[in-house]
Amino acid sequence: MIRGIDFQESYSAVALASSVQMTVAIAAAENMTLAIIDVKNAFQNTMLPEGQRQHLSLPPYYIAWFRRKYPRVTIEEAPDGRYCLQTVNAIQGTKPAGPQWNDVLTTVLTTLKFQRNHIDHGVFLFVSEDRKQKMILCISTDDFLCAFSDDHLYTDLCVNLKIFFEITTKTGPVLHYLNLRIIQSTDSISIDQTEHIQTKTLSDWFQDDGDPLRATDTPFRTDNEFERDLAEALPANDAELADLSKQYCGDYRTHMGKFSHVKEWTRPDLGYALTRLGSFSVAPT
């Protein structure tokens, strides 16, 4: 496949962490409400043109089941007993599935008078003609975080989306978007990853309930003794790295990735510590 000929975008839009953070901040500052929309079977909602459809061979006994299920549908007998099925919708897991869904979703939202952000293609904005009402969508493939100034904007969007897709919705004071917990009230909006941090990040390090977490004023020790120990420590050999990976349920870079994800979304205070620890990624000690 060649960019510009077979496709223009090779992904399904995902809003940046900074875009989600900015949307929450705008919602809090302008007294907007947050809600969630989830499109079911997003990739299967994409109708493919004839030139892009695939043909699948049918498993044994499928035709027998089909005839019992739909007795009024006539199927021509195949001389060799082999049948195939043409896929009208996209198939999840194929390379074009992401951009195909992205094209469909962008077309639908554009029809509903949303404008896609030129920098972050996972963000869409609707502003009423009198510019008094607005709605922001942060999209992660098929999960929408919606910020709206008036409830009817969210209701109208759900009604219009149901024409094209099967969706589920979530409103209320506590929402879960990806691995974020969003708490909103008439006074404020906050986001955190408490559950994600406890179950996905720290569980490998603190498996014994008898060893409680200890708080510290700084995210990384900067005293002379610690710096000296770091400088004098020798890189672990292959056997030691294997033992450490087994002990902590993953290699060094895996855990760095987990902490970097948390830093990017909700804990920027971890930035200095991760910068220092990242220097050991090539040869952990």
Protein backbone atom coordinates (compact mmCIF):
# COMPACT_ATOMS: atom_id res chain seq x y z
CA MET A 1 0.00 0.00 0.00
CA ILE A 2 1.32 3.45 -0.94
CA ARG A 3 0.52 6.63 0.95
CA GLY A 4 -1.34 9.09 -1.22
CA ILE A 5 -2.60 6.34 -3.52
CA ASP A 6 -4.08 3.63 -1.34
CA PHE A 7 -4.57 5.75 1.78
CA GLN A 8 -4.02 9.20 3.27
CA GLU A 9 -4.06 8.20 6.93
CA SER A 10 -2.90 4.85 8.28
CA TYR A 11 -4.49 4.96 11.72
CA SER A 12 -7.70 5.39 13.61
CA ALA A 13 -7.69 8.77 15.34
CA VAL A 14 -6.70 8.84 19.01
CA ALA A 15 -6.74 12.13 20.91
CA LEU A 16 -3.47 13.14 22.54
CA ALA A 17 -3.17 13.11 26.32
CA SER A 18 -2.66 16.88 26.23
CA SER A 19 -5.89 17.28 24.25
CA VAL A 20 -7.88 15.30 26.82
CA GLN A 21 -6.32 17.33 29.63
CA MET A 22 -7.10 20.58 27.82
CA THR A 23 -10.70 19.50 27.19
CA VAL A 24 -11.20 18.72 30.89
CA ALA A 25 -9.63 22.07 31.82
CA ILE A 26 -11.90 23.97 29.40
CA ALA A 27 -14.93 22.09 30.70
CA ALA A 28 -14.05 23.01 34.27
CA ALA A 29 -13.35 26.66 33.42
CA GLU A 30 -16.51 27.15 31.37
CA ASN A 31 -18.88 25.05 33.48
CA MET A 32 -19.37 22.40 30.79
CA THR A 33 -20.54 18.85 31.41
CA LEU A 34 -18.60 15.68 30.53
CA ALA A 35 -20.10 12.41 29.28
CA ILE A 36 -19.00 9.25 27.46
CA ILE A 37 -20.11 7.63 24.18
CA ASP A 38 -18.88 4.20 23.11
CA VAL A 39 -19.48 2.85 19.60
CA LYS A 40 -19.99 -0.92 19.58
CA ASN A 41 -18.09 -2.98 16.99
CA ALA A 42 -16.67 0.17 15.42
CA PHE A 43 -14.66 -1.47 12.65
CA GLN A 44 -17.61 -3.66 11.64
CA ASN A 45 -19.64 -0.49 11.06
CA THR A 46 -17.48 0.41 8.06
CA MET A 47 -19.12 -0.33 4.71
CA LEU A 48 -16.51 -1.28 2.13
CA PRO A 49 -16.67 -0.40 -1.59
CA GLU A 50 -16.72 -3.39 -3.92
CA GLY A 51 -13.05 -3.13 -4.84
CA GLN A 52 -11.97 -3.46 -1.19
CA ARG A 53 -14.19 -6.33 -0.09
CA GLN A 54 -12.73 -9.71 0.81
CA HIS A 55 -14.05 -13.23 0.33
CA LEU A 56 -13.97 -15.81 3.12
CA SER A 57 -14.37 -19.54 2.77
CA LEU A 58 -17.22 -20.83 4.92
CA PRO A 59 -16.69 -23.43 7.64
CA PRO A 60 -18.36 -26.88 7.48
CA TYR A 61 -22.10 -27.02 8.17
CA TYR A 62 -22.47 -23.23 7.84
CA ILE A 63 -24.78 -23.56 4.82
CA ALA A 64 -26.93 -26.11 6.67
CA TRP A 65 -27.26 -23.73 9.61
CA PHE A 66 -27.97 -20.78 7.30
CA ARG A 67 -30.79 -22.63 5.49
CA ARG A 68 -32.42 -23.56 8.79
CA LYS A 69 -32.08 -19.99 10.03
CA TYR A 70 -33.26 -18.30 6.82
CA PRO A 71 -35.42 -20.82 4.94
CA ARG A 72 -36.79 -18.22 2.51
CA VAL A 73 -33.33 -17.30 1.17
CA THR A 74 -32.30 -19.34 -1.87
CA ILE A 75 -28.64 -20.34 -2.21
CA GLU A 76 -27.39 -21.85 -5.43
CA GLU A 77 -25.86 -25.28 -4.97
CA ALA A 78 -22.08 -25.45 -5.37
CA PRO A 79 -20.95 -28.51 -7.37
CA ASP A 80 -17.99 -29.14 -5.07
CA GLY A 81 -19.86 -28.19 -1.89
CA ARG A 82 -17.54 -25.25 -1.21
CA TYR A 83 -18.91 -21.77 -0.57
CA CYS A 84 -17.47 -18.33 0.12
CA LEU A 85 -18.88 -15.20 1.72
CA GLN A 86 -18.24 -11.62 0.62
CA THR A 87 -17.46 -9.19 3.45
CA VAL A 88 -19.53 -6.03 3.14
CA ASN A 89 -18.12 -4.58 6.36
CA ALA A 90 -14.51 -4.09 7.44
CA ILE A 91 -12.77 -6.83 9.41
CA GLN A 92 -11.08 -5.93 12.68
CA GLY A 93 -7.39 -6.74 12.65
CA THR A 94 -6.76 -5.98 8.98
CA LYS A 95 -4.39 -3.14 8.10
CA PRO A 96 -6.97 -0.87 6.42
CA ALA A 97 -9.57 -1.27 9.22
CA GLY A 98 -8.32 1.73 11.23
CA PRO A 99 -8.32 4.36 8.47
CA GLN A 100 -11.56 2.96 7.03
CA TRP A 101 -13.32 3.49 10.36
CA ASN A 102 -11.68 6.88 10.69
CA ASP A 103 -13.03 7.94 7.28
CA VAL A 104 -16.56 6.82 8.18
CA LEU A 105 -16.53 8.54 11.56
CA THR A 106 -15.06 11.76 10.15
CA THR A 107 -17.72 11.82 7.42
CA VAL A 108 -20.53 11.33 9.96
CA LEU A 109 -19.25 14.01 12.34
CA THR A 110 -18.60 16.46 9.51
CA THR A 111 -22.19 15.92 8.35
CA LEU A 112 -23.27 16.83 11.88
CA LYS A 113 -21.32 20.12 11.52
CA PHE A 114 -18.34 19.15 13.66
CA GLN A 115 -14.93 20.46 12.65
CA ARG A 116 -11.84 18.31 13.04
CA ASN A 117 -8.84 19.88 14.73
CA HIS A 118 -6.00 20.41 12.26
CA ILE A 119 -3.30 19.49 14.79
CA ASP A 120 -4.94 16.63 16.69
CA HIS A 121 -7.20 14.64 14.38
CA GLY A 122 -8.78 12.92 17.36
CA VAL A 123 -10.49 16.15 18.46
CA PHE A 124 -13.70 17.54 16.96
CA LEU A 125 -15.44 20.82 17.78
CA PHE A 126 -19.01 22.00 17.28
CA VAL A 127 -19.99 25.65 17.76
CA SER A 128 -23.54 26.89 17.29
CA GLU A 129 -24.25 29.69 14.81
CA ASP A 130 -24.76 32.21 17.60
CA ARG A 131 -21.49 30.91 19.18
CA LYS A 132 -23.20 30.52 22.54
CA GLN A 133 -23.17 26.72 22.60
CA LYS A 134 -20.28 24.40 21.91
CA MET A 135 -19.25 20.79 22.19
CA ILE A 136 -15.80 19.17 22.17
CA LEU A 137 -15.19 15.51 21.31
CA CYS A 138 -11.99 13.68 22.23
CA ILE A 139 -11.95 10.40 20.33
CA SER A 140 -9.93 7.28 21.04
CA THR A 141 -10.91 5.01 18.13
CA ASP A 142 -14.50 4.30 19.26
CA ASP A 143 -14.55 5.90 22.73
CA PHE A 144 -15.72 9.52 22.87
CA LEU A 145 -15.18 11.94 25.73
CA CYS A 146 -17.77 14.68 25.23
CA ALA A 147 -17.69 18.15 26.78
CA PHE A 148 -20.80 20.22 26.13
CA SER A 149 -22.25 23.52 27.29
CA ASP A 150 -25.89 22.39 27.02
CA ASP A 151 -27.42 18.96 27.64
CA HIS A 152 -29.38 19.00 24.39
CA LEU A 153 -26.12 19.00 22.40
CA TYR A 154 -25.18 15.63 23.90
CA THR A 155 -28.71 14.28 23.47
CA ASP A 156 -28.85 15.36 19.83
CA LEU A 157 -25.44 13.83 19.11
CA CYS A 158 -26.50 10.48 20.60
CA VAL A 159 -29.72 10.48 18.56
CA ASN A 160 -27.84 11.23 15.34
CA LEU A 161 -25.08 8.69 15.99
CA LYS A 162 -27.67 5.96 16.60
CA ILE A 163 -28.78 6.40 12.99
CA PHE A 164 -25.38 5.09 11.89
CA PHE A 165 -23.99 3.05 14.80
CA GLU A 166 -24.95 1.08 17.87
CA ILE A 167 -23.73 3.07 20.86
CA THR A 168 -23.72 3.04 24.64
CA THR A 169 -23.61 6.16 26.78
CA LYS A 170 -22.47 7.08 30.26
CA THR A 171 -23.28 10.21 32.24
CA GLY A 172 -23.04 11.16 35.88
CA PRO A 173 -20.63 12.52 38.49
CA VAL A 174 -18.08 9.70 38.05
CA LEU A 175 -16.94 8.60 34.59
CA HIS A 176 -14.28 6.22 33.31
CA TYR A 177 -12.59 7.11 30.02
CA LEU A 178 -9.81 4.73 28.95
CA ASN A 179 -8.01 4.25 32.29
CA LEU A 180 -8.91 7.68 33.64
CA ARG A 181 -11.39 8.32 36.41
CA ILE A 182 -13.21 11.63 35.96
CA ILE A 183 -15.07 13.16 38.89
CA GLN A 184 -17.25 16.17 38.15
CA SER A 185 -19.48 18.37 40.25
CA THR A 186 -20.96 21.85 39.98
CA ASP A 187 -17.75 23.24 41.50
CA SER A 188 -14.92 21.32 39.85
CA ILE A 189 -13.70 18.50 37.62
CA SER A 190 -10.77 16.23 38.45
CA ILE A 191 -9.04 13.34 36.72
CA ASP A 192 -6.88 10.60 38.20
CA GLN A 193 -5.55 7.12 37.46
CA THR A 194 -5.67 5.75 40.99
CA GLU A 195 -7.14 2.36 40.09
CA HIS A 196 -4.86 1.96 37.07
CA ILE A 197 -1.76 2.85 39.09
CA GLN A 198 -2.66 0.46 41.90
CA THR A 199 -3.63 -2.51 39.71
CA LYS A 200 -1.39 -2.14 36.63
CA THR A 201 1.68 -0.20 37.76
CA LEU A 202 2.39 -0.76 41.45
CA SER A 203 0.99 -4.27 41.85
CA ASP A 204 4.22 -5.82 40.49
CA TRP A 205 6.29 -3.96 43.06
CA PHE A 206 4.08 -4.14 46.15
CA GLN A 207 2.47 -7.56 46.08
CA ASP A 208 2.54 -8.04 49.85
CA ASP A 209 -0.20 -6.13 51.65
CA GLY A 210 2.04 -6.03 54.70
CA ASP A 211 4.47 -3.68 52.92
CA PRO A 212 2.55 -0.39 52.66
CA LEU A 213 3.45 2.38 50.26
CA ARG A 214 5.64 5.09 51.74
CA ALA A 215 5.27 8.71 50.70
CA THR A 216 8.19 11.01 50.00
CA ASP A 217 8.57 14.75 49.49
CA THR A 218 10.56 14.38 46.27
CA PRO A 219 10.02 11.86 43.47
CA PHE A 220 13.72 10.98 43.31
CA ARG A 221 16.54 10.95 45.84
CA THR A 222 19.18 13.60 45.14
CA ASP A 223 21.48 13.18 48.13
CA ASN A 224 25.22 12.57 47.63
CA GLU A 225 25.15 9.00 48.96
CA PHE A 226 22.48 7.94 46.50
CA GLU A 227 24.24 9.63 43.57
CA ARG A 228 27.49 7.89 44.53
CA ASP A 229 25.78 4.50 44.70
CA LEU A 230 24.29 5.05 41.24
CA ALA A 231 27.63 6.04 39.76
CA GLU A 232 29.46 3.04 41.25
CA ALA A 233 26.83 0.40 40.50
CA LEU A 234 27.75 -2.01 37.70
CA PRO A 235 25.23 -2.98 35.01
CA ALA A 236 23.43 -6.25 35.71
CA ASN A 237 24.48 -9.23 33.61
CA ASP A 238 22.06 -11.34 31.59
CA ALA A 239 21.43 -13.81 34.42
CA GLU A 240 20.81 -11.02 36.93
CA LEU A 241 18.49 -9.23 34.51
CA ALA A 242 16.50 -12.44 34.01
CA ASP A 243 16.14 -12.84 37.79
CA LEU A 244 15.10 -9.20 38.22
CA SER A 245 12.55 -9.47 35.39
CA LYS A 246 11.06 -12.54 37.06
CA GLN A 247 11.04 -10.88 40.47
CA TYR A 248 9.31 -7.72 39.24
CA CYS A 249 7.09 -9.33 36.56
CA GLY A 250 8.67 -7.56 33.62
CA ASP A 251 11.87 -6.09 32.29
CA TYR A 252 13.21 -2.62 33.04
CA ARG A 253 11.89 -0.98 29.88
CA THR A 254 8.42 -2.41 30.44
CA HIS A 255 8.18 -0.77 33.85
CA MET A 256 9.62 2.48 32.48
CA GLY A 257 6.85 2.46 29.90
CA LYS A 258 4.20 1.97 32.59
CA PHE A 259 5.49 4.89 34.67
CA SER A 260 5.94 7.06 31.56
CA HIS A 261 2.28 6.52 30.67
CA VAL A 262 1.19 7.66 34.12
CA LYS A 263 3.53 10.66 33.94
CA GLU A 264 2.10 11.69 30.57
CA TRP A 265 -1.52 11.60 31.70
CA THR A 266 -1.84 12.52 35.37
CA ARG A 267 1.52 12.59 37.20
CA PRO A 268 3.87 15.13 35.57
CA ASP A 269 5.75 15.29 38.87
CA LEU A 270 7.38 11.98 37.90
CA GLY A 271 9.16 13.64 34.98
CA TYR A 272 12.53 14.21 36.65
CA ALA A 273 12.69 10.74 38.16
CA LEU A 274 11.88 9.09 34.83
CA THR A 275 14.47 11.21 33.04
CA ARG A 276 17.14 9.99 35.45
CA LEU A 277 15.97 6.37 35.41
CA GLY A 278 15.68 6.41 31.62
CA SER A 279 19.45 6.80 31.35
CA PHE A 280 19.76 3.21 32.62
CA SER A 281 17.45 1.65 30.03
CA VAL A 282 20.32 0.34 27.92
CA ALA A 283 22.19 -1.20 30.86
CA PRO A 284 20.04 -1.46 34.03
CA THR A 285 21.94 -1.84 37.30
